[in-house]
Amino acid sequence: MSPTRPAITIGMMAHNSAQFIGEAIESVLSQEMQEWELLIADDASDDATADAVRPYLRDARIRYHRHDVNIGQANNWWFLIEHARAPVFARLDGDDAWFPTTAARMVGAHSAGADIYYGAWVRFYQDQGHLAQGPRIRTGESTGVSTYALQIRHNSALQGAMSYRTDLARHAGMPLPELKYMVDYEYVLRLLAIATRVVGTSEPLLRYRVHAASATAAAQASLGYLEERARLYDACRRHVGLNPAIAEHLSVLWITLCREDFSDGLSEAVRRDWEAGVAIMRDAVRRCPTLLRSPKVIMDLALACLGHTGRRAMRVIHRHRVMA
């Protein structure tokens, strides 16, 4: 154990994680690079999570905090970022595990100047007992804006397989509490919007556990997941204020979402609003195909559609046709 400042803070969010959290902690203890601190934030678990963690607290690098009430994923995540002591932050959930070289790779990338570092990951299907490769990762160095554009299309960066400068996360601000299922994706995009240097690697950094009780499984089976997916653009449009250069790429997100079929998974009120906005957007492109060449116009139009303000959307179309 080193008394000096750690090189990386590993933030571990836990909620009813007694079954798997020991394995997650063991994967941290097994890191080839040992200059880390592990912060565990227990979001008011009502199982034996505290008992599972207690034996590990003999290691002074491991700190454990249990919230008295459930504060939700976004608040718990922000708690970890606020209490991080290292210049690099990475999140490892209590049911996943790192590979032995993960921390060293992360610290090495940031020491070389990366703002964000992300890598490949493998899925571990707990109930079936087998591994599967995750999505392909673009390797090498790129800008935050270009990686933002990539993630809009592919969404391949996973929180447990990425790290970022702690001050970058604090500048980005707190993850959005109003999002439950899309909170990770939105925050990845927000970090990319303000990052300069992003480095990707094809080396696997994380073993991502998929099991019936996981948050991901619950999310994808939930109507709330579909509703948040339909509303994702509204959350992400705030990123333009952080970096106007991402406006063009954000318009791609709207077009992508317009192609998805949410009709069977949304509440009646959200479905009506969504379908009305999509109809306006499709009609606009039919009337004036050159809209797709103008990021600013398509942003204006998408914002108009999102609020189902049809007359405003038609004014955008008319103004563009006059100027064209």
C-alpha atoms as a PDB file:
ATOM      1  CA  MET A   1       0.000   0.000   0.000  1.00  0.00           C
ATOM      2  CA  SER A   2       1.306   3.451  -0.922  1.00  0.00           C
ATOM      3  CA  PRO A   3       0.540   6.490   1.297  1.00  0.00           C
ATOM      4  CA  THR A   4       0.793   8.794  -1.713  1.00  0.00           C
ATOM      5  CA  ARG A   5      -2.026  10.026  -3.928  1.00  0.00           C
ATOM      6  CA  PRO A   6      -3.481   7.135  -5.970  1.00  0.00           C
ATOM      7  CA  ALA A   7      -3.047   7.106  -9.736  1.00  0.00           C
ATOM      8  CA  ILE A   8      -6.657   6.077 -10.397  1.00  0.00           C
ATOM      9  CA  THR A   9      -9.910   6.147  -8.462  1.00  0.00           C
ATOM     10  CA  ILE A  10     -12.138   3.152  -9.127  1.00  0.00           C
ATOM     11  CA  GLY A  11     -15.712   4.056  -8.265  1.00  0.00           C
ATOM     12  CA  MET A  12     -17.906   1.040  -7.568  1.00  0.00           C
ATOM     13  CA  MET A  13     -21.665   1.509  -7.427  1.00  0.00           C
ATOM     14  CA  ALA A  14     -23.523  -1.210  -5.570  1.00  0.00           C
ATOM     15  CA  HIS A  15     -27.151  -2.013  -4.860  1.00  0.00           C
ATOM     16  CA  ASN A  16     -28.084  -5.464  -3.574  1.00  0.00           C
ATOM     17  CA  SER A  17     -24.777  -6.712  -4.960  1.00  0.00           C
ATOM     18  CA  ALA A  18     -23.894  -9.252  -2.268  1.00  0.00           C
ATOM     19  CA  GLN A  19     -23.765 -12.158  -4.708  1.00  0.00           C
ATOM     20  CA  PHE A  20     -21.130 -10.710  -7.033  1.00  0.00           C
ATOM     21  CA  ILE A  21     -19.376  -7.774  -5.356  1.00  0.00           C
ATOM     22  CA  GLY A  22     -16.632  -9.930  -3.857  1.00  0.00           C
ATOM     23  CA  GLU A  23     -15.584 -11.001  -7.338  1.00  0.00           C
ATOM     24  CA  ALA A  24     -15.578  -7.370  -8.503  1.00  0.00           C
ATOM     25  CA  ILE A  25     -13.358  -6.324  -5.578  1.00  0.00           C
ATOM     26  CA  GLU A  26     -11.034  -9.286  -6.140  1.00  0.00           C
ATOM     27  CA  SER A  27     -10.548  -8.155  -9.744  1.00  0.00           C
ATOM     28  CA  VAL A  28      -9.329  -4.790  -8.414  1.00  0.00           C
ATOM     29  CA  LEU A  29      -7.007  -6.413  -5.882  1.00  0.00           C
ATOM     30  CA  SER A  30      -5.553  -8.513  -8.727  1.00  0.00           C
ATOM     31  CA  GLN A  31      -4.517  -5.497 -10.811  1.00  0.00           C
ATOM     32  CA  GLU A  32      -0.903  -5.490 -11.996  1.00  0.00           C
ATOM     33  CA  MET A  33      -0.765  -1.786 -11.128  1.00  0.00           C
ATOM     34  CA  GLN A  34      -1.481  -1.316  -7.432  1.00  0.00           C
ATOM     35  CA  GLU A  35      -1.532   2.513  -7.092  1.00  0.00           C
ATOM     36  CA  TRP A  36      -5.322   2.736  -6.959  1.00  0.00           C
ATOM     37  CA  GLU A  37      -8.100   3.571  -4.546  1.00  0.00           C
ATOM     38  CA  LEU A  38     -11.461   1.812  -4.546  1.00  0.00           C
ATOM     39  CA  LEU A  39     -14.532   3.763  -3.432  1.00  0.00           C
ATOM     40  CA  ILE A  40     -17.655   1.664  -2.933  1.00  0.00           C
ATOM     41  CA  ALA A  41     -20.962   3.524  -2.745  1.00  0.00           C
ATOM     42  CA  ASP A  42     -23.799   1.288  -1.575  1.00  0.00           C
ATOM     43  CA  ASP A  43     -27.163   2.712  -2.591  1.00  0.00           C
ATOM     44  CA  ALA A  44     -29.129   1.553   0.466  1.00  0.00           C
ATOM     45  CA  SER A  45     -28.891  -2.174  -0.238  1.00  0.00           C
ATOM     46  CA  ASP A  46     -31.248  -4.357   1.765  1.00  0.00           C
ATOM     47  CA  ASP A  47     -29.262  -7.552   1.233  1.00  0.00           C
ATOM     48  CA  ALA A  48     -25.879  -8.621   2.630  1.00  0.00           C
ATOM     49  CA  THR A  49     -23.767  -6.274   0.483  1.00  0.00           C
ATOM     50  CA  ALA A  50     -22.202  -4.634   3.564  1.00  0.00           C
ATOM     51  CA  ASP A  51     -21.257  -8.033   4.986  1.00  0.00           C
ATOM     52  CA  ALA A  52     -19.694  -9.056   1.673  1.00  0.00           C
ATOM     53  CA  VAL A  53     -17.574  -5.885   1.570  1.00  0.00           C
ATOM     54  CA  ARG A  54     -16.503  -5.812   5.234  1.00  0.00           C
ATOM     55  CA  PRO A  55     -13.548  -8.273   5.033  1.00  0.00           C
ATOM     56  CA  TYR A  56     -11.932  -6.155   2.309  1.00  0.00           C
ATOM     57  CA  LEU A  57     -11.894  -2.969   4.383  1.00  0.00           C
ATOM     58  CA  ARG A  58      -8.673  -4.107   6.062  1.00  0.00           C
ATOM     59  CA  ASP A  59      -7.013  -2.714   2.926  1.00  0.00           C
ATOM     60  CA  ALA A  60      -6.751   1.051   3.527  1.00  0.00           C
ATOM     61  CA  ARG A  61      -7.103   1.717  -0.207  1.00  0.00           C
ATOM     62  CA  ILE A  62     -10.720   0.539  -0.058  1.00  0.00           C
ATOM     63  CA  ARG A  63     -13.408   2.846   1.325  1.00  0.00           C
ATOM     64  CA  TYR A  64     -17.069   1.950   1.752  1.00  0.00           C
ATOM     65  CA  HIS A  65     -20.064   4.245   2.168  1.00  0.00           C
ATOM     66  CA  ARG A  66     -23.668   3.164   2.526  1.00  0.00           C
ATOM     67  CA  HIS A  67     -26.425   5.699   1.804  1.00  0.00           C
ATOM     68  CA  ASP A  68     -29.275   5.610   4.306  1.00  0.00           C
ATOM     69  CA  VAL A  69     -31.849   5.998   1.524  1.00  0.00           C
ATOM     70  CA  ASN A  70     -31.758   5.042  -2.138  1.00  0.00           C
ATOM     71  CA  ILE A  71     -30.502   8.089  -4.049  1.00  0.00           C
ATOM     72  CA  GLY A  72     -30.497   6.574  -7.558  1.00  0.00           C
ATOM     73  CA  GLN A  73     -27.761   5.786 -10.036  1.00  0.00           C
ATOM     74  CA  ALA A  74     -26.986   9.350 -11.162  1.00  0.00           C
ATOM     75  CA  ASN A  75     -26.592  10.704  -7.623  1.00  0.00           C
ATOM     76  CA  ASN A  76     -24.566   7.700  -6.504  1.00  0.00           C
ATOM     77  CA  TRP A  77     -22.254   8.043  -9.490  1.00  0.00           C
ATOM     78  CA  TRP A  78     -21.752  11.739  -8.782  1.00  0.00           C
ATOM     79  CA  PHE A  79     -20.997  10.944  -5.132  1.00  0.00           C
ATOM     80  CA  LEU A  80     -18.103   8.777  -6.313  1.00  0.00           C
ATOM     81  CA  ILE A  81     -16.769  11.434  -8.707  1.00  0.00           C
ATOM     82  CA  GLU A  82     -16.941  14.110  -6.006  1.00  0.00           C
ATOM     83  CA  HIS A  83     -15.004  11.970  -3.516  1.00  0.00           C
ATOM     84  CA  ALA A  84     -12.330  10.740  -5.938  1.00  0.00           C
ATOM     85  CA  ARG A  85      -8.749  11.625  -4.944  1.00  0.00           C
ATOM     86  CA  ALA A  86      -6.971  10.475  -8.096  1.00  0.00           C
ATOM     87  CA  PRO A  87      -6.550  12.436 -11.354  1.00  0.00           C
ATOM     88  CA  VAL A  88      -8.141   9.540 -13.290  1.00  0.00           C
ATOM     89  CA  PHE A  89     -11.596   8.114 -12.613  1.00  0.00           C
ATOM     90  CA  ALA A  90     -13.132   4.840 -13.768  1.00  0.00           C
ATOM     91  CA  ARG A  91     -16.386   3.173 -12.819  1.00  0.00           C
ATOM     92  CA  LEU A  92     -16.697  -0.527 -12.105  1.00  0.00           C
ATOM     93  CA  ASP A  93     -20.122  -1.819 -11.155  1.00  0.00           C
ATOM     94  CA  GLY A  94     -20.463  -4.307  -8.332  1.00  0.00           C
ATOM     95  CA  ASP A  95     -21.431  -7.222 -10.576  1.00  0.00           C
ATOM     96  CA  ASP A  96     -18.682  -6.832 -13.199  1.00  0.00           C
ATOM     97  CA  ALA A  97     -14.927  -7.513 -13.165  1.00  0.00           C
ATOM     98  CA  TRP A  98     -11.760  -6.038 -14.645  1.00  0.00           C
ATOM     99  CA  PHE A  99      -8.935  -7.884 -16.360  1.00  0.00           C
ATOM    100  CA  PRO A 100      -5.569  -7.710 -14.522  1.00  0.00           C
ATOM    101  CA  THR A 101      -4.034  -5.110 -16.872  1.00  0.00           C
ATOM    102  CA  THR A 102      -7.025  -2.742 -17.008  1.00  0.00           C
ATOM    103  CA  ALA A 103      -5.888  -0.152 -14.442  1.00  0.00           C
ATOM    104  CA  ALA A 104      -2.348  -0.044 -15.857  1.00  0.00           C
ATOM    105  CA  ARG A 105      -3.648   0.496 -19.389  1.00  0.00           C
ATOM    106  CA  MET A 106      -5.931   3.293 -18.234  1.00  0.00           C
ATOM    107  CA  VAL A 107      -3.277   5.123 -16.235  1.00  0.00           C
ATOM    108  CA  GLY A 108      -0.763   4.720 -19.055  1.00  0.00           C
ATOM    109  CA  ALA A 109      -3.134   6.242 -21.600  1.00  0.00           C
ATOM    110  CA  HIS A 110      -3.891   9.243 -19.405  1.00  0.00           C
ATOM    111  CA  SER A 111      -0.221   9.748 -18.573  1.00  0.00           C
ATOM    112  CA  ALA A 112       0.320  10.038 -22.333  1.00  0.00           C
ATOM    113  CA  GLY A 113      -2.290  12.806 -22.558  1.00  0.00           C
ATOM    114  CA  ALA A 114      -5.652  11.108 -23.134  1.00  0.00           C
ATOM    115  CA  ASP A 115      -8.747  12.822 -21.749  1.00  0.00           C
ATOM    116  CA  ILE A 116     -10.824   9.671 -22.224  1.00  0.00           C
ATOM    117  CA  TYR A 117      -9.654   6.103 -22.704  1.00  0.00           C
ATOM    118  CA  TYR A 118     -11.977   3.261 -23.652  1.00  0.00           C
ATOM    119  CA  GLY A 119     -11.570  -0.316 -24.713  1.00  0.00           C
ATOM    120  CA  ALA A 120     -13.184  -3.579 -25.675  1.00  0.00           C
ATOM    121  CA  TRP A 121     -15.228  -5.701 -23.297  1.00  0.00           C
ATOM    122  CA  VAL A 122     -16.669  -9.167 -23.171  1.00  0.00           C
ATOM    123  CA  ARG A 123     -20.113 -10.249 -22.041  1.00  0.00           C
ATOM    124  CA  PHE A 124     -20.350 -12.975 -19.444  1.00  0.00           C
ATOM    125  CA  TYR A 125     -23.772 -14.610 -19.527  1.00  0.00           C
ATOM    126  CA  GLN A 126     -24.171 -15.718 -15.937  1.00  0.00           C
ATOM    127  CA  ASP A 127     -27.192 -17.954 -16.467  1.00  0.00           C
ATOM    128  CA  GLN A 128     -25.681 -19.772 -19.466  1.00  0.00           C
ATOM    129  CA  GLY A 129     -22.074 -19.672 -18.245  1.00  0.00           C
ATOM    130  CA  HIS A 130     -20.402 -18.506 -21.451  1.00  0.00           C
ATOM    131  CA  LEU A 131     -18.510 -15.483 -22.787  1.00  0.00           C
ATOM    132  CA  ALA A 132     -19.230 -13.425 -25.904  1.00  0.00           C
ATOM    133  CA  GLN A 133     -17.214 -10.633 -27.483  1.00  0.00           C
ATOM    134  CA  GLY A 134     -18.680  -7.138 -27.190  1.00  0.00           C
ATOM    135  CA  PRO A 135     -18.799  -4.640 -30.077  1.00  0.00           C
ATOM    136  CA  ARG A 136     -15.683  -3.701 -32.011  1.00  0.00           C
ATOM    137  CA  ILE A 137     -13.846  -0.630 -30.763  1.00  0.00           C
ATOM    138  CA  ARG A 138     -12.167   1.969 -32.970  1.00  0.00           C
ATOM    139  CA  THR A 139      -8.516   1.923 -31.970  1.00  0.00           C
ATOM    140  CA  GLY A 140      -6.013   4.749 -31.820  1.00  0.00           C
ATOM    141  CA  GLU A 141      -6.333   8.433 -31.058  1.00  0.00           C
ATOM    142  CA  SER A 142      -9.228  10.631 -32.168  1.00  0.00           C
ATOM    143  CA  THR A 143     -10.973  13.813 -31.115  1.00  0.00           C
ATOM    144  CA  GLY A 144     -13.888  14.017 -28.737  1.00  0.00           C
ATOM    145  CA  VAL A 145     -16.166  15.295 -31.510  1.00  0.00           C
ATOM    146  CA  SER A 146     -15.331  12.478 -33.934  1.00  0.00           C
ATOM    147  CA  THR A 147     -15.806   9.871 -31.201  1.00  0.00           C
ATOM    148  CA  TYR A 148     -19.109  11.525 -30.291  1.00  0.00           C
ATOM    149  CA  ALA A 149     -20.208  11.017 -33.890  1.00  0.00           C
ATOM    150  CA  LEU A 150     -19.113   7.374 -33.734  1.00  0.00           C
ATOM    151  CA  GLN A 151     -20.944   6.689 -30.476  1.00  0.00           C
ATOM    152  CA  ILE A 152     -24.123   8.291 -31.811  1.00  0.00           C
ATOM    153  CA  ARG A 153     -24.128   5.578 -34.465  1.00  0.00           C
ATOM    154  CA  HIS A 154     -22.749   2.590 -32.565  1.00  0.00           C
ATOM    155  CA  ASN A 155     -22.899   3.150 -28.770  1.00  0.00           C
ATOM    156  CA  SER A 156     -19.951   0.817 -28.133  1.00  0.00           C
ATOM    157  CA  ALA A 157     -18.295   2.574 -25.164  1.00  0.00           C
ATOM    158  CA  LEU A 158     -19.217   0.968 -21.855  1.00  0.00           C
ATOM    159  CA  GLN A 159     -18.646   2.745 -18.540  1.00  0.00           C
ATOM    160  CA  GLY A 160     -16.794  -0.157 -16.935  1.00  0.00           C
ATOM    161  CA  ALA A 161     -14.410  -0.303 -19.896  1.00  0.00           C
ATOM    162  CA  MET A 162     -13.493   3.373 -19.940  1.00  0.00           C
ATOM    163  CA  SER A 163     -11.720   5.974 -17.836  1.00  0.00           C
ATOM    164  CA  TYR A 164     -11.521   9.747 -17.922  1.00  0.00           C
ATOM    165  CA  ARG A 165      -9.814  12.625 -16.215  1.00  0.00           C
ATOM    166  CA  THR A 166     -11.530  13.353 -12.918  1.00  0.00           C
ATOM    167  CA  ASP A 167     -11.518  17.095 -13.585  1.00  0.00           C
ATOM    168  CA  LEU A 168     -13.171  16.468 -16.966  1.00  0.00           C
ATOM    169  CA  ALA A 169     -16.037  14.644 -15.248  1.00  0.00           C
ATOM    170  CA  ARG A 170     -16.420  17.420 -12.706  1.00  0.00           C
ATOM    171  CA  HIS A 171     -16.522  19.965 -15.514  1.00  0.00           C
ATOM    172  CA  ALA A 172     -19.151  17.903 -17.356  1.00  0.00           C
ATOM    173  CA  GLY A 173     -21.294  17.972 -14.233  1.00  0.00           C
ATOM    174  CA  MET A 174     -23.574  15.472 -12.621  1.00  0.00           C
ATOM    175  CA  PRO A 175     -25.194  12.625 -14.604  1.00  0.00           C
ATOM    176  CA  LEU A 176     -28.869  13.372 -15.222  1.00  0.00           C
ATOM    177  CA  PRO A 177     -31.076  12.094 -12.374  1.00  0.00           C
ATOM    178  CA  GLU A 178     -34.144  12.242 -14.616  1.00  0.00           C
ATOM    179  CA  LEU A 179     -32.621   9.468 -16.746  1.00  0.00           C
ATOM    180  CA  LYS A 180     -32.603   5.939 -15.410  1.00  0.00           C
ATOM    181  CA  TYR A 181     -31.957   3.678 -18.383  1.00  0.00           C
ATOM    182  CA  MET A 182     -30.102   6.096 -20.668  1.00  0.00           C
ATOM    183  CA  VAL A 183     -27.998   7.796 -17.974  1.00  0.00           C
ATOM    184  CA  ASP A 184     -24.745   6.016 -18.943  1.00  0.00           C
ATOM    185  CA  TYR A 185     -25.115   6.721 -22.657  1.00  0.00           C
ATOM    186  CA  GLU A 186     -25.958  10.394 -22.183  1.00  0.00           C
ATOM    187  CA  TYR A 187     -23.021  10.909 -19.843  1.00  0.00           C
ATOM    188  CA  VAL A 188     -20.556   9.217 -22.191  1.00  0.00           C
ATOM    189  CA  LEU A 189     -21.701  11.567 -24.945  1.00  0.00           C
ATOM    190  CA  ARG A 190     -21.461  14.583 -22.649  1.00  0.00           C
ATOM    191  CA  LEU A 191     -17.885  13.720 -21.692  1.00  0.00           C
ATOM    192  CA  LEU A 192     -16.974  13.274 -25.355  1.00  0.00           C
ATOM    193  CA  ALA A 193     -18.474  16.675 -26.181  1.00  0.00           C
ATOM    194  CA  ILE A 194     -15.849  18.401 -24.010  1.00  0.00           C
ATOM    195  CA  ALA A 195     -12.901  16.027 -24.538  1.00  0.00           C
ATOM    196  CA  THR A 196      -9.961  16.845 -26.798  1.00  0.00           C
ATOM    197  CA  ARG A 197      -8.001  13.582 -26.968  1.00  0.00           C
ATOM    198  CA  VAL A 198      -9.747  10.212 -26.927  1.00  0.00           C
ATOM    199  CA  VAL A 199      -7.877   6.919 -27.203  1.00  0.00           C
ATOM    200  CA  GLY A 200      -9.475   3.572 -27.994  1.00  0.00           C
ATOM    201  CA  THR A 201      -8.041   0.074 -27.680  1.00  0.00           C
ATOM    202  CA  SER A 202      -9.165  -3.326 -28.912  1.00  0.00           C
ATOM    203  CA  GLU A 203      -7.770  -4.919 -25.750  1.00  0.00           C
ATOM    204  CA  PRO A 204     -10.566  -6.158 -23.449  1.00  0.00           C
ATOM    205  CA  LEU A 205     -10.774  -4.159 -20.221  1.00  0.00           C
ATOM    206  CA  LEU A 206     -13.974  -5.493 -18.679  1.00  0.00           C
ATOM    207  CA  ARG A 207     -15.949  -8.660 -18.151  1.00  0.00           C
ATOM    208  CA  TYR A 208     -19.527  -7.436 -18.235  1.00  0.00           C
ATOM    209  CA  ARG A 209     -21.921  -9.718 -16.417  1.00  0.00           C
ATOM    210  CA  VAL A 210     -25.369 -10.305 -17.923  1.00  0.00           C
ATOM    211  CA  HIS A 211     -27.853 -11.962 -15.590  1.00  0.00           C
ATOM    212  CA  ALA A 212     -31.571 -11.913 -14.991  1.00  0.00           C
ATOM    213  CA  ALA A 213     -31.332  -9.517 -12.039  1.00  0.00           C
ATOM    214  CA  SER A 214     -28.977  -7.016 -13.708  1.00  0.00           C
ATOM    215  CA  ALA A 215     -29.994  -3.419 -14.243  1.00  0.00           C
ATOM    216  CA  THR A 216     -29.471  -3.811 -17.991  1.00  0.00           C
ATOM    217  CA  ALA A 217     -31.800  -6.787 -18.225  1.00  0.00           C
ATOM    218  CA  ALA A 218     -34.438  -4.971 -16.212  1.00  0.00           C
ATOM    219  CA  ALA A 219     -34.051  -1.842 -18.328  1.00  0.00           C
ATOM    220  CA  GLN A 220     -34.442  -3.539 -21.669  1.00  0.00           C
ATOM    221  CA  ALA A 221     -37.601  -5.280 -20.493  1.00  0.00           C
ATOM    222  CA  SER A 222     -39.080  -2.006 -19.292  1.00  0.00           C
ATOM    223  CA  LEU A 223     -41.402   0.401 -21.065  1.00  0.00           C
ATOM    224  CA  GLY A 224     -39.423   3.150 -19.354  1.00  0.00           C
ATOM    225  CA  TYR A 225     -36.361   2.133 -21.366  1.00  0.00           C
ATOM    226  CA  LEU A 226     -38.202   2.712 -24.629  1.00  0.00           C
ATOM    227  CA  GLU A 227     -39.625   6.013 -23.472  1.00  0.00           C
ATOM    228  CA  GLU A 228     -36.192   7.269 -22.442  1.00  0.00           C
ATOM    229  CA  ARG A 229     -34.758   6.111 -25.769  1.00  0.00           C
ATOM    230  CA  ALA A 230     -37.444   8.098 -27.533  1.00  0.00           C
ATOM    231  CA  ARG A 231     -36.611  11.160 -25.410  1.00  0.00           C
ATOM    232  CA  LEU A 232     -32.840  10.812 -25.655  1.00  0.00           C
ATOM    233  CA  TYR A 233     -32.489  13.608 -28.173  1.00  0.00           C
ATOM    234  CA  ASP A 234     -34.061  16.085 -25.780  1.00  0.00           C
ATOM    235  CA  ALA A 235     -31.424  15.259 -23.159  1.00  0.00           C
ATOM    236  CA  CYS A 236     -28.508  15.279 -25.591  1.00  0.00           C
ATOM    237  CA  ARG A 237     -29.332  18.573 -27.294  1.00  0.00           C
ATOM    238  CA  ARG A 238     -27.921  20.315 -24.206  1.00  0.00           C
ATOM    239  CA  HIS A 239     -24.487  19.149 -25.334  1.00  0.00           C
ATOM    240  CA  VAL A 240     -24.484  21.795 -28.066  1.00  0.00           C
ATOM    241  CA  GLY A 241     -24.046  24.378 -25.319  1.00  0.00           C
ATOM    242  CA  LEU A 242     -20.852  22.599 -24.247  1.00  0.00           C
ATOM    243  CA  ASN A 243     -19.493  22.286 -27.775  1.00  0.00           C
ATOM    244  CA  PRO A 244     -21.347  23.723 -30.809  1.00  0.00           C
ATOM    245  CA  ALA A 245     -19.296  21.453 -33.101  1.00  0.00           C
ATOM    246  CA  ILE A 246     -21.372  18.424 -32.142  1.00  0.00           C
ATOM    247  CA  ALA A 247     -24.631  19.905 -33.511  1.00  0.00           C
ATOM    248  CA  GLU A 248     -24.201  18.204 -36.877  1.00  0.00           C
ATOM    249  CA  HIS A 249     -23.691  14.821 -35.270  1.00  0.00           C
ATOM    250  CA  LEU A 250     -26.580  15.270 -32.884  1.00  0.00           C
ATOM    251  CA  SER A 251     -28.885  15.699 -35.858  1.00  0.00           C
ATOM    252  CA  VAL A 252     -27.830  12.183 -36.907  1.00  0.00           C
ATOM    253  CA  LEU A 253     -29.156  10.914 -33.582  1.00  0.00           C
ATOM    254  CA  TRP A 254     -32.553  12.392 -34.348  1.00  0.00           C
ATOM    255  CA  ILE A 255     -32.636  10.777 -37.788  1.00  0.00           C
ATOM    256  CA  THR A 256     -31.550   7.446 -36.270  1.00  0.00           C
ATOM    257  CA  LEU A 257     -34.256   7.597 -33.635  1.00  0.00           C
ATOM    258  CA  CYS A 258     -36.845   8.500 -36.265  1.00  0.00           C
ATOM    259  CA  ARG A 259     -36.118   5.186 -37.976  1.00  0.00           C
ATOM    260  CA  GLU A 260     -36.774   3.173 -34.833  1.00  0.00           C
ATOM    261  CA  ASP A 261     -40.171   1.700 -34.094  1.00  0.00           C
ATOM    262  CA  PHE A 262     -41.289   2.599 -30.603  1.00  0.00           C
ATOM    263  CA  SER A 263     -45.000   2.237 -31.316  1.00  0.00           C
ATOM    264  CA  ASP A 264     -45.512  -0.934 -29.279  1.00  0.00           C
ATOM    265  CA  GLY A 265     -43.498   0.128 -26.259  1.00  0.00           C
ATOM    266  CA  LEU A 266     -44.559   3.665 -25.371  1.00  0.00           C
ATOM    267  CA  SER A 267     -47.316   5.012 -23.224  1.00  0.00           C
ATOM    268  CA  GLU A 268     -50.186   6.493 -25.215  1.00  0.00           C
ATOM    269  CA  ALA A 269     -49.244  10.118 -24.481  1.00  0.00           C
ATOM    270  CA  VAL A 270     -45.562   9.669 -25.332  1.00  0.00           C
ATOM    271  CA  ARG A 271     -46.394   7.590 -28.413  1.00  0.00           C
ATOM    272  CA  ARG A 272     -48.684  10.290 -29.818  1.00  0.00           C
ATOM    273  CA  ASP A 273     -46.083  12.997 -29.267  1.00  0.00           C
ATOM    274  CA  TRP A 274     -43.297  10.866 -30.752  1.00  0.00           C
ATOM    275  CA  GLU A 275     -45.244   9.796 -33.831  1.00  0.00           C
ATOM    276  CA  ALA A 276     -46.362  13.365 -34.493  1.00  0.00           C
ATOM    277  CA  GLY A 277     -42.763  14.592 -34.346  1.00  0.00           C
ATOM    278  CA  VAL A 278     -41.532  11.810 -36.630  1.00  0.00           C
ATOM    279  CA  ALA A 279     -44.311  12.528 -39.117  1.00  0.00           C
ATOM    280  CA  ILE A 280     -43.334  16.205 -39.248  1.00  0.00           C
ATOM    281  CA  MET A 281     -39.682  15.312 -39.742  1.00  0.00           C
ATOM    282  CA  ARG A 282     -40.360  12.830 -42.537  1.00  0.00           C
ATOM    283  CA  ASP A 283     -42.710  15.232 -44.263  1.00  0.00           C
ATOM    284  CA  ALA A 284     -40.089  17.968 -44.056  1.00  0.00           C
ATOM    285  CA  VAL A 285     -37.455  15.794 -45.711  1.00  0.00           C
ATOM    286  CA  ARG A 286     -39.944  14.744 -48.411  1.00  0.00           C
ATOM    287  CA  ARG A 287     -40.825  18.359 -49.182  1.00  0.00           C
ATOM    288  CA  CYS A 288     -37.267  19.610 -49.104  1.00  0.00           C
ATOM    289  CA  PRO A 289     -34.540  16.911 -49.360  1.00  0.00           C
ATOM    290  CA  THR A 290     -31.745  19.505 -49.075  1.00  0.00           C
ATOM    291  CA  LEU A 291     -32.620  19.827 -45.383  1.00  0.00           C
ATOM    292  CA  LEU A 292     -30.267  16.924 -44.771  1.00  0.00           C
ATOM    293  CA  ARG A 293     -27.366  19.050 -45.985  1.00  0.00           C
ATOM    294  CA  SER A 294     -27.864  21.725 -43.338  1.00  0.00           C
ATOM    295  CA  PRO A 295     -27.055  20.701 -39.757  1.00  0.00           C
ATOM    296  CA  LYS A 296     -28.383  23.968 -38.327  1.00  0.00           C
ATOM    297  CA  VAL A 297     -31.720  23.680 -40.072  1.00  0.00           C
ATOM    298  CA  ILE A 298     -32.154  20.041 -39.175  1.00  0.00           C
ATOM    299  CA  MET A 299     -31.354  20.881 -35.555  1.00  0.00           C
ATOM    300  CA  ASP A 300     -34.018  23.617 -35.562  1.00  0.00           C
ATOM    301  CA  LEU A 301     -36.495  21.290 -37.198  1.00  0.00           C
ATOM    302  CA  ALA A 302     -35.793  18.441 -34.802  1.00  0.00           C
ATOM    303  CA  LEU A 303     -36.261  20.716 -31.797  1.00  0.00           C
ATOM    304  CA  ALA A 304     -39.550  21.906 -33.242  1.00  0.00           C
ATOM    305  CA  CYS A 305     -40.708  18.342 -33.851  1.00  0.00           C
ATOM    306  CA  LEU A 306     -39.687  17.180 -30.424  1.00  0.00           C
ATOM    307  CA  GLY A 307     -42.146  19.513 -28.787  1.00  0.00           C
ATOM    308  CA  HIS A 308     -44.754  18.671 -31.452  1.00  0.00           C
ATOM    309  CA  THR A 309     -44.909  22.319 -32.518  1.00  0.00           C
ATOM    310  CA  GLY A 310     -45.962  21.673 -36.066  1.00  0.00           C
ATOM    311  CA  ARG A 311     -46.435  25.270 -37.138  1.00  0.00           C
ATOM    312  CA  ARG A 312     -42.951  26.187 -35.980  1.00  0.00           C
ATOM    313  CA  ALA A 313     -41.556  23.207 -37.899  1.00  0.00           C
ATOM    314  CA  MET A 314     -43.352  24.303 -41.051  1.00  0.00           C
ATOM    315  CA  ARG A 315     -41.866  27.801 -40.657  1.00  0.00           C
ATOM    316  CA  VAL A 316     -38.396  26.258 -40.525  1.00  0.00           C
ATOM    317  CA  ILE A 317     -39.100  24.383 -43.756  1.00  0.00           C
ATOM    318  CA  HIS A 318     -40.472  27.486 -45.453  1.00  0.00           C
ATOM    319  CA  ARG A 319     -37.507  29.634 -44.382  1.00  0.00           C
ATOM    320  CA  HIS A 320     -35.084  27.047 -45.693  1.00  0.00           C
ATOM    321  CA  ARG A 321     -36.889  26.735 -49.030  1.00  0.00           C
ATOM    322  CA  VAL A 322     -36.811  30.506 -49.459  1.00  0.00           C
ATOM    323  CA  MET A 323     -33.088  30.657 -48.691  1.00  0.00           C
ATOM    324  CA  ALA A 324     -32.185  27.622 -50.797  1.00  0.00           C
END
